[in-house]
Amino acid sequence: MTIKINNGEFLFFCCNDGNLDLLKQEIKRRYSYLHLGYSKGRFLTYKTTKDILLNELEPVFTTRWAKSLKKVSKEQLLSQEINILSLTSFTLHYFSLLDDETQDKEVSGYFDKYNNCNMENEFYYDVVQIKTDEFWIGIHAKDQRCAIFPNSDPKISLPEKSPSRAYLKMAEAHCLFNISITENQKWLELGSAPGGASYFLLENKALVWGNDPAEMSQLCLTNKNFTHIKKPVQHIKPEEIPSDIEWVSVDLNLNPKQSLAEVFRISKDFRFLRGILVTVKIVNLDHVDYIQDNINWARDRGFDHVIATQLPSHKREYLLVLLNKSAPKRLTVSSKKT
């Protein structure tokens, strides 16, 4: 099911801190029929100049996009004036975009029993706080990317002993896309140092081959399930890696085309490859224009479903999720093929 937005109606978009310019650039390039309306912090509204369906859009640099219904004050929100809980087929997501993402305790308490990740409902109400007394109400559909978490954020905490914040990237991808990590499952990580993502995989009992010329954390090196390939990725020979690798994670300090070229060179003969997770760095604003090229390049190499998205912990970067036919069917992805 989807949501129709008529000519002249508004959508809203939320984004990660420091990425507003990337989102604006993406919308300008990909959705020229959307005209900017209102902007505050990490929140934008756009008016559509034609009839559209919400699932026609698959923006990368937004954590939540929805049909905008209205702007209200706290008093209006908590009064019977706005009866947004009348439809039982809707779940409610309340989240804050204030600087510290602190939720209003009174509002949070009022909506707490509705603020959930119910997979049964087809539609979700979004209540977004952008000022102390300014809330925006919208609606999105279950078949949108990462739809079941408020603002697409599973709220994963970084363990104190994690070697790096890359732990969050892997943990969020695992949670948002429901990637099953099983005992002795074989992973290759390109750009693994100092070891945040590897540490997450090892904690989940995976077997990890980590490639990076830099030093790895002792938390990884002393784990019997970890193998360090200490050389530049360009020097790896495919025969150095087990041919039954199931997943590849990539977070390299190379330009996107070079990163993709290296991962495809190394993994092209993996017999049981299910998918590849590629972190793509945005060095300058022009790189936003190449997202579709990267998607097409991956699709041309046999991946059945390619998703481009920002994770909650991402800075100026995004994740390409490349899935092939052997990927588990329980993976949570958008119903739309990109």
Protein backbone atom coordinates (compact mmCIF):
# COMPACT_ATOMS: atom_id res chain seq x y z
CA MET A 1 0.00 0.00 0.00
CA THR A 2 1.15 3.52 -0.64
CA ILE A 3 0.17 7.13 -0.05
CA LYS A 4 -0.92 9.58 -2.72
CA ILE A 5 0.28 13.18 -2.57
CA ASN A 6 -1.66 15.56 -4.80
CA ASN A 7 -0.30 18.50 -6.75
CA GLY A 8 0.19 21.37 -4.29
CA GLU A 9 0.46 19.18 -1.19
CA PHE A 10 3.59 18.89 0.97
CA LEU A 11 6.08 16.24 2.04
CA PHE A 12 8.62 16.51 4.82
CA PHE A 13 12.13 15.10 5.06
CA CYS A 14 14.43 14.54 8.06
CA CYS A 15 18.19 14.07 7.75
CA ASN A 16 21.37 13.43 9.72
CA ASP A 17 23.20 16.32 11.33
CA GLY A 18 25.50 18.10 8.84
CA ASN A 19 23.87 16.60 5.75
CA LEU A 20 21.21 19.15 4.89
CA ASP A 21 23.13 20.33 1.81
CA LEU A 22 23.42 16.73 0.55
CA LEU A 23 19.69 16.18 0.89
CA LYS A 24 18.87 19.47 -0.86
CA GLN A 25 21.25 18.61 -3.69
CA GLU A 26 19.78 15.16 -4.09
CA ILE A 27 16.20 16.43 -4.24
CA LYS A 28 17.18 19.16 -6.70
CA ARG A 29 18.83 16.62 -9.02
CA ARG A 30 16.43 13.68 -8.74
CA TYR A 31 13.06 15.26 -7.95
CA SER A 32 12.87 18.59 -9.76
CA TYR A 33 9.08 18.67 -9.33
CA LEU A 34 9.56 19.20 -5.57
CA HIS A 35 9.92 22.82 -4.45
CA LEU A 36 11.44 23.76 -1.09
CA GLY A 37 8.96 25.14 1.39
CA TYR A 38 10.26 25.31 4.97
CA SER A 39 13.62 24.49 6.52
CA LYS A 40 14.62 24.21 10.16
CA GLY A 41 17.68 22.34 11.40
CA ARG A 42 17.48 18.78 10.05
CA PHE A 43 13.90 19.19 8.85
CA LEU A 44 12.64 20.25 5.40
CA THR A 45 9.28 20.52 3.70
CA TYR A 46 8.74 20.40 -0.07
CA LYS A 47 5.65 21.06 -2.19
CA THR A 48 5.00 18.75 -5.10
CA THR A 49 3.97 20.30 -8.42
CA LYS A 50 2.37 17.09 -9.68
CA ASP A 51 0.43 14.12 -8.34
CA ILE A 52 2.82 11.48 -6.97
CA LEU A 53 2.88 8.35 -4.84
CA LEU A 54 5.10 8.43 -1.77
CA ASN A 55 6.88 5.20 -2.71
CA GLU A 56 7.98 6.75 -6.02
CA LEU A 57 10.65 8.48 -3.97
CA GLU A 58 13.74 6.68 -2.66
CA PRO A 59 15.90 9.55 -1.36
CA VAL A 60 19.25 8.53 0.10
CA PHE A 61 20.09 11.39 2.45
CA THR A 62 16.92 11.30 4.51
CA THR A 63 16.16 9.27 7.60
CA ARG A 64 12.42 9.74 7.21
CA TRP A 65 10.25 11.09 4.42
CA ALA A 66 6.48 11.38 4.78
CA LYS A 67 3.38 13.13 3.56
CA SER A 68 3.04 16.28 5.66
CA LEU A 69 -0.35 16.71 7.33
CA LYS A 70 0.00 19.72 9.61
CA LYS A 71 2.13 21.75 12.01
CA VAL A 72 0.88 21.98 15.61
CA SER A 73 1.84 23.27 19.03
CA LYS A 74 2.30 21.06 22.06
CA GLU A 75 -1.08 22.15 23.41
CA GLN A 76 -2.80 21.23 20.15
CA LEU A 77 -0.95 17.94 19.99
CA LEU A 78 -2.10 16.83 23.42
CA SER A 79 -5.68 18.05 23.02
CA GLN A 80 -8.62 16.30 21.47
CA GLU A 81 -8.42 18.86 18.67
CA ILE A 82 -6.15 16.45 16.77
CA ASN A 83 -7.50 12.93 16.86
CA ILE A 84 -4.62 11.12 15.18
CA LEU A 85 -5.09 7.89 17.09
CA SER A 86 -8.56 7.09 15.75
CA LEU A 87 -7.39 4.59 13.10
CA THR A 88 -6.29 1.25 14.52
CA SER A 89 -4.37 0.42 11.34
CA PHE A 90 -1.82 3.13 12.15
CA THR A 91 1.23 2.98 14.40
CA LEU A 92 2.62 6.21 15.83
CA HIS A 93 6.28 7.30 15.81
CA TYR A 94 7.22 10.31 17.94
CA PHE A 95 10.81 11.53 17.68
CA SER A 96 12.75 14.72 18.31
CA LEU A 97 15.12 16.61 16.03
CA LEU A 98 16.24 19.02 18.74
CA ASP A 99 20.02 19.36 19.11
CA ASP A 100 20.25 16.63 21.76
CA GLU A 101 17.24 14.69 20.41
CA THR A 102 15.63 15.04 23.84
CA GLN A 103 11.97 14.14 23.76
CA ASP A 104 9.34 16.16 25.56
CA LYS A 105 8.50 14.01 28.60
CA GLU A 106 4.83 14.94 28.60
CA VAL A 107 4.41 14.25 24.90
CA SER A 108 6.47 11.06 25.15
CA GLY A 109 4.38 9.83 28.06
CA TYR A 110 1.14 10.61 26.24
CA PHE A 111 2.14 8.67 23.12
CA ASP A 112 4.36 6.03 24.70
CA LYS A 113 2.00 3.11 24.18
CA TYR A 114 1.68 3.97 20.49
CA ASN A 115 5.35 4.72 19.82
CA ASN A 116 6.40 1.28 18.66
CA CYS A 117 7.72 -0.90 15.85
CA ASN A 118 4.52 -2.77 15.05
CA MET A 119 5.05 -4.67 11.79
CA GLU A 120 1.34 -5.42 11.39
CA ASN A 121 0.18 -1.91 10.55
CA GLU A 122 0.29 -0.63 6.97
CA PHE A 123 0.76 3.05 7.84
CA TYR A 124 2.66 5.06 10.42
CA TYR A 125 1.92 8.47 11.84
CA ASP A 126 5.04 10.57 12.41
CA VAL A 127 5.10 13.24 15.11
CA VAL A 128 8.34 15.18 14.67
CA GLN A 129 9.48 17.75 17.21
CA ILE A 130 11.72 20.43 15.69
CA LYS A 131 11.32 23.18 18.32
CA THR A 132 10.26 23.23 21.94
CA ASP A 133 6.71 24.07 20.90
CA GLU A 134 6.65 23.05 17.24
CA PHE A 135 5.59 19.61 16.07
CA TRP A 136 4.91 18.34 12.55
CA ILE A 137 2.56 15.46 11.83
CA GLY A 138 3.02 13.26 8.79
CA ILE A 139 2.29 9.78 7.51
CA HIS A 140 4.46 7.13 5.83
CA ALA A 141 3.86 3.58 4.64
CA LYS A 142 5.29 0.29 5.88
CA ASP A 143 6.82 -0.53 2.50
CA GLN A 144 9.19 2.44 2.69
CA ARG A 145 12.85 1.83 3.53
CA CYS A 146 13.53 1.29 7.26
CA ALA A 147 9.93 2.21 7.96
CA ILE A 148 9.38 0.42 11.26
CA PHE A 149 11.81 2.45 13.41
CA PRO A 150 11.06 6.04 14.48
CA ASN A 151 13.20 8.21 12.18
CA SER A 152 14.81 4.95 10.93
CA ASP A 153 16.92 4.85 14.09
CA PRO A 154 17.10 1.65 16.18
CA LYS A 155 18.97 3.61 18.87
CA ILE A 156 21.99 1.34 19.20
CA SER A 157 24.59 2.33 21.81
CA LEU A 158 28.32 2.19 21.17
CA PRO A 159 30.03 -0.16 23.67
CA GLU A 160 32.79 1.51 25.66
CA LYS A 161 35.39 -1.02 24.57
CA SER A 162 34.51 -0.88 20.86
CA PRO A 163 37.62 -0.01 18.80
CA SER A 164 35.71 2.54 16.69
CA ARG A 165 32.34 3.94 15.67
CA ALA A 166 32.31 1.53 12.71
CA TYR A 167 30.66 -0.81 15.22
CA LEU A 168 27.53 1.34 14.91
CA LYS A 169 27.50 1.21 11.12
CA MET A 170 27.56 -2.58 11.11
CA ALA A 171 25.11 -2.92 13.99
CA GLU A 172 22.65 -0.50 12.40
CA ALA A 173 22.82 -2.21 9.00
CA HIS A 174 22.31 -5.57 10.73
CA CYS A 175 19.25 -4.26 12.57
CA LEU A 176 17.63 -2.07 9.90
CA PHE A 177 17.93 -4.65 7.14
CA ASN A 178 17.49 -7.69 9.39
CA ILE A 179 20.72 -9.29 8.20
CA SER A 180 21.11 -12.65 9.89
CA ILE A 181 24.60 -13.20 11.33
CA THR A 182 25.08 -16.83 12.30
CA GLU A 183 27.85 -18.71 14.09
CA ASN A 184 30.84 -19.38 11.79
CA GLN A 185 29.32 -17.34 8.97
CA LYS A 186 32.21 -16.03 6.85
CA TRP A 187 32.65 -12.28 6.40
CA LEU A 188 35.30 -10.29 4.54
CA GLU A 189 35.84 -6.72 5.72
CA LEU A 190 37.78 -4.39 3.45
CA GLY A 191 39.06 -1.36 5.37
CA SER A 192 38.73 -3.01 8.77
CA ALA A 193 41.10 -1.00 11.02
CA PRO A 194 40.92 -0.32 13.86
CA GLY A 195 38.17 -2.90 14.15
CA GLY A 196 34.76 -1.55 15.17
CA ALA A 197 32.75 -3.46 12.58
CA SER A 198 34.90 -6.57 12.94
CA TYR A 199 34.35 -6.46 16.70
CA PHE A 200 30.56 -6.42 16.18
CA LEU A 201 30.75 -9.41 13.82
CA LEU A 202 33.04 -11.32 16.18
CA GLU A 203 30.68 -10.64 19.08
CA ASN A 204 28.04 -12.36 16.93
CA LYS A 205 30.38 -15.37 16.45
CA ALA A 206 31.10 -14.77 12.77
CA LEU A 207 34.41 -15.69 11.13
CA VAL A 208 36.05 -12.49 9.91
CA TRP A 209 38.85 -11.81 7.43
CA GLY A 210 39.81 -8.18 7.95
CA ASN A 211 41.87 -6.36 5.37
CA ASP A 212 43.71 -3.15 6.25
CA PRO A 213 47.39 -2.10 6.20
CA ALA A 214 46.83 -0.29 9.51
CA GLU A 215 46.90 -1.86 12.96
CA MET A 216 43.87 -3.70 14.29
CA SER A 217 42.61 -3.60 17.86
CA GLN A 218 43.83 -6.38 20.15
CA LEU A 219 40.17 -7.19 20.76
CA CYS A 220 40.11 -8.49 17.19
CA LEU A 221 43.66 -9.81 16.86
CA THR A 222 43.34 -12.02 19.93
CA ASN A 223 40.04 -13.51 18.76
CA LYS A 224 40.56 -16.92 17.13
CA ASN A 225 37.80 -16.14 14.62
CA PHE A 226 39.68 -13.15 13.15
CA THR A 227 42.30 -13.18 10.40
CA HIS A 228 44.18 -9.97 9.58
CA ILE A 229 45.28 -9.44 5.98
CA LYS A 230 47.68 -6.56 6.57
CA LYS A 231 48.20 -5.04 3.14
CA PRO A 232 46.54 -2.45 0.87
CA VAL A 233 43.36 -3.73 -0.73
CA GLN A 234 44.91 -3.27 -4.19
CA HIS A 235 47.49 -5.96 -3.31
CA ILE A 236 45.02 -8.66 -2.30
CA LYS A 237 44.86 -11.70 -4.54
CA PRO A 238 41.47 -13.47 -4.69
CA GLU A 239 43.12 -16.79 -3.76
CA GLU A 240 44.09 -15.30 -0.37
CA ILE A 241 40.42 -15.19 0.63
CA PRO A 242 38.17 -18.24 1.20
CA SER A 243 35.89 -18.74 -1.78
CA ASP A 244 32.90 -19.44 0.48
CA ILE A 245 32.66 -15.93 1.94
CA GLU A 246 28.96 -15.06 2.40
CA TRP A 247 29.08 -11.32 3.12
CA VAL A 248 31.50 -8.52 2.33
CA SER A 249 31.68 -5.20 4.19
CA VAL A 250 33.57 -2.30 2.62
CA ASP A 251 34.67 0.96 4.24
CA LEU A 252 37.69 2.18 2.29
CA ASN A 253 39.29 5.60 2.02
CA LEU A 254 39.14 5.42 -1.77
CA ASN A 255 36.93 7.13 -4.30
CA PRO A 256 33.63 5.27 -4.84
CA LYS A 257 34.51 3.86 -8.26
CA GLN A 258 37.82 2.47 -7.01
CA SER A 259 36.19 0.96 -3.91
CA LEU A 260 33.55 -0.78 -6.01
CA ALA A 261 36.11 -1.96 -8.54
CA GLU A 262 38.25 -3.55 -5.82
CA VAL A 263 35.39 -5.31 -4.08
CA PHE A 264 34.07 -6.75 -7.33
CA ARG A 265 37.56 -7.86 -8.35
CA ILE A 266 38.05 -9.72 -5.10
CA SER A 267 34.55 -11.16 -4.67
CA LYS A 268 33.54 -12.08 -8.24
CA ASP A 269 34.27 -15.79 -7.69
CA PHE A 270 32.77 -16.13 -4.20
CA ARG A 271 30.47 -19.14 -4.55
CA PHE A 272 28.03 -18.38 -1.72
CA LEU A 273 28.01 -14.58 -1.69
CA ARG A 274 24.76 -13.22 -0.32
CA GLY A 275 25.49 -9.53 -0.28
CA ILE A 276 27.92 -6.64 0.00
CA LEU A 277 27.69 -3.60 2.27
CA VAL A 278 29.64 -0.67 0.82
CA THR A 279 30.17 2.62 2.67
CA VAL A 280 30.52 5.36 0.06
CA LYS A 281 32.22 8.60 1.11
CA ILE A 282 30.90 11.95 -0.11
CA VAL A 283 34.02 14.07 -0.58
CA ASN A 284 32.28 16.96 -2.35
CA LEU A 285 28.73 17.90 -3.29
CA ASP A 286 29.13 16.70 -6.88
CA HIS A 287 29.42 13.09 -5.64
CA VAL A 288 25.69 13.16 -4.88
CA ASP A 289 25.09 13.15 -8.64
CA TYR A 290 26.89 9.80 -9.02
CA ILE A 291 24.66 7.77 -6.68
CA GLN A 292 22.52 6.37 -9.49
CA ASP A 293 25.66 5.52 -11.49
CA ASN A 294 26.94 3.45 -8.56
CA ILE A 295 23.58 1.73 -8.22
CA ASN A 296 23.46 0.92 -11.93
CA TRP A 297 27.04 -0.36 -11.92
CA ALA A 298 26.26 -2.77 -9.09
CA ARG A 299 23.03 -3.90 -10.71
CA ASP A 300 24.84 -4.58 -13.99
CA ARG A 301 27.07 -7.00 -12.09
CA GLY A 302 24.23 -9.28 -11.15
CA PHE A 303 22.87 -7.95 -7.86
CA ASP A 304 19.10 -8.32 -7.79
CA HIS A 305 18.36 -5.61 -5.25
CA VAL A 306 20.46 -2.50 -4.66
CA ILE A 307 19.60 -0.08 -1.87
CA ALA A 308 21.26 3.26 -1.14
CA THR A 309 20.64 4.75 2.29
CA GLN A 310 22.13 6.74 5.14
CA LEU A 311 22.46 5.06 8.52
CA PRO A 312 21.84 7.03 11.74
CA SER A 313 25.58 7.02 12.59
CA HIS A 314 26.70 8.16 9.14
CA LYS A 315 28.44 11.46 8.58
CA ARG A 316 28.99 12.54 4.96
CA GLU A 317 28.63 9.07 3.53
CA TYR A 318 25.99 6.52 2.63
CA LEU A 319 25.55 2.77 2.47
CA LEU A 320 25.08 0.69 -0.66
CA VAL A 321 23.40 -2.61 0.18
CA LEU A 322 23.92 -5.09 -2.67
CA LEU A 323 21.85 -8.27 -2.43
CA ASN A 324 21.77 -11.27 -4.70
CA LYS A 325 19.31 -14.14 -5.01
CA SER A 326 20.88 -16.10 -2.16
CA ALA A 327 20.27 -13.31 0.36
CA PRO A 328 17.78 -14.40 3.04
CA LYS A 329 14.19 -13.59 2.13
CA ARG A 330 13.61 -12.18 5.61
CA LEU A 331 15.81 -9.18 4.86
CA THR A 332 13.87 -5.98 5.53
CA VAL A 333 14.08 -3.85 2.40
CA SER A 334 11.87 -1.45 0.55
CA SER A 335 9.32 -3.14 -1.69
CA LYS A 336 10.53 -1.01 -4.58
CA LYS A 337 13.52 -2.12 -6.62
CA THR A 338 15.94 0.70 -7.25
